[in-house]
């Protein structure tokens, strides 16, 4: 059972996402992206560190997200900026799946 005081937020259902899909999740004043990869679900900040572009319209290939504006590339699992012009890593967040529901932990 998800405990509210641990800051777990429900973001969606597992059956609504296919592999390499991106789900945008806005909470308070912040945007997150939830990704479904071959081996599970992952979450990062939802805005590119280069020019504050939303990553939800980016392309996911082989565990990487490419920013839709200037094609900076980040590793989804680690958040590492791996291709310019992205030079600052994305923050990553824990994900939990319970009863086909996907949760992100934000503090």
Protein backbone atom coordinates (compact mmCIF):
# COMPACT_ATOMS: atom_id res chain seq x y z
CA UNK A 1 0.00 0.00 0.00
CA UNK A 2 1.30 3.45 -0.87
CA UNK A 3 1.78 5.69 2.14
CA UNK A 4 0.90 9.34 1.50
CA UNK A 5 3.45 10.75 3.95
CA UNK A 6 6.25 9.22 1.89
CA UNK A 7 5.36 11.59 -0.99
CA UNK A 8 4.30 8.85 -3.44
CA UNK A 9 2.09 10.32 -6.18
CA UNK A 10 -0.09 8.25 -8.51
CA UNK A 11 0.85 9.09 -12.12
CA UNK A 12 -0.95 6.52 -14.25
CA UNK A 13 -1.76 2.93 -15.07
CA UNK A 14 0.70 0.35 -16.40
CA UNK A 15 -1.60 -0.73 -19.23
CA UNK A 16 -1.79 2.84 -20.60
CA UNK A 17 1.91 2.87 -21.53
CA UNK A 18 3.88 0.96 -24.14
CA UNK A 19 7.65 0.46 -24.18
CA UNK A 20 9.42 3.76 -25.00
CA UNK A 21 6.34 5.83 -24.09
CA UNK A 22 6.67 9.03 -22.07
CA UNK A 23 4.07 10.28 -19.61
CA UNK A 24 4.22 13.89 -18.43
CA UNK A 25 3.27 14.46 -14.80
CA UNK A 26 2.89 17.94 -13.30
CA UNK A 27 2.88 18.32 -9.53
CA UNK A 28 2.79 21.69 -7.83
CA UNK A 29 5.25 23.83 -9.83
CA UNK A 30 7.36 20.99 -11.27
CA UNK A 31 7.17 18.75 -14.34
CA UNK A 32 8.31 15.11 -14.41
CA UNK A 33 8.55 12.50 -17.15
CA UNK A 34 7.75 8.85 -16.53
CA UNK A 35 9.16 6.39 -19.05
CA UNK A 36 8.39 2.76 -19.76
CA UNK A 37 11.47 0.85 -20.88
CA UNK A 38 11.91 -2.87 -21.58
CA UNK A 39 12.89 -3.52 -17.94
CA UNK A 40 10.43 -1.28 -16.12
CA UNK A 41 9.40 2.27 -15.33
CA UNK A 42 11.70 5.23 -14.68
CA UNK A 43 11.27 8.94 -13.91
CA UNK A 44 13.30 12.09 -14.46
CA UNK A 45 12.78 15.82 -14.39
CA UNK A 46 10.48 16.66 -17.27
CA UNK A 47 12.31 19.70 -18.58
CA UNK A 48 15.59 19.75 -20.51
CA UNK A 49 18.49 21.27 -18.57
CA UNK A 50 19.72 23.10 -21.68
CA UNK A 51 16.84 25.46 -22.50
CA UNK A 52 13.87 24.46 -20.33
CA UNK A 53 12.02 22.57 -23.08
CA UNK A 54 9.51 19.89 -22.03
CA UNK A 55 10.87 16.42 -22.73
CA UNK A 56 7.44 14.80 -23.17
CA UNK A 57 7.66 15.40 -26.93
CA UNK A 58 11.14 13.91 -27.16
CA UNK A 59 12.13 10.57 -28.63
CA UNK A 60 13.01 7.54 -26.49
CA UNK A 61 15.43 5.03 -28.03
CA UNK A 62 17.55 2.43 -26.23
CA UNK A 63 17.00 3.89 -22.77
CA UNK A 64 17.78 7.46 -23.80
CA UNK A 65 15.59 10.54 -24.19
CA UNK A 66 16.37 13.04 -26.93
CA UNK A 67 15.19 16.60 -26.35
CA UNK A 68 12.81 17.72 -29.12
CA UNK A 69 14.39 21.16 -29.51
CA UNK A 70 18.18 20.83 -29.80
CA UNK A 71 18.58 17.03 -29.67
CA UNK A 72 20.50 16.89 -26.39
CA UNK A 73 20.41 13.30 -25.11
CA UNK A 74 20.05 11.98 -21.55
CA UNK A 75 20.31 8.48 -20.09
CA UNK A 76 16.86 7.80 -18.62
CA UNK A 77 18.02 5.50 -15.80
CA UNK A 78 20.82 7.73 -14.51
CA UNK A 79 19.72 11.15 -15.79
CA UNK A 80 23.22 11.67 -17.20
CA UNK A 81 23.57 14.24 -19.98
CA UNK A 82 25.36 12.25 -22.69
CA UNK A 83 25.17 14.46 -25.79
CA UNK A 84 25.52 18.22 -26.23
CA UNK A 85 24.06 20.71 -25.95
CA UNK A 86 22.76 19.06 -22.76
CA UNK A 87 25.49 19.48 -20.18
CA UNK A 88 23.70 19.21 -16.82
CA UNK A 89 22.19 15.89 -15.69
CA UNK A 90 18.47 15.38 -15.09
CA UNK A 91 17.38 14.44 -11.59
CA UNK A 92 15.89 10.95 -11.35
CA UNK A 93 13.09 9.78 -9.05
CA UNK A 94 12.03 6.43 -7.56
CA UNK A 95 9.11 4.66 -9.22
CA UNK A 96 6.85 2.04 -7.67
CA UNK A 97 4.25 -0.16 -9.37
CA UNK A 98 1.43 -1.58 -7.26
CA UNK A 99 -1.77 -3.16 -8.55
CA UNK A 100 -1.07 -1.93 -12.11
CA UNK A 101 -0.73 1.66 -10.87
CA UNK A 102 2.48 3.66 -11.33
CA UNK A 103 3.70 5.98 -8.55
CA UNK A 104 6.56 8.48 -8.39
CA UNK A 105 8.24 9.48 -5.14
CA UNK A 106 8.82 13.21 -4.96
CA UNK A 107 10.03 14.98 -1.86
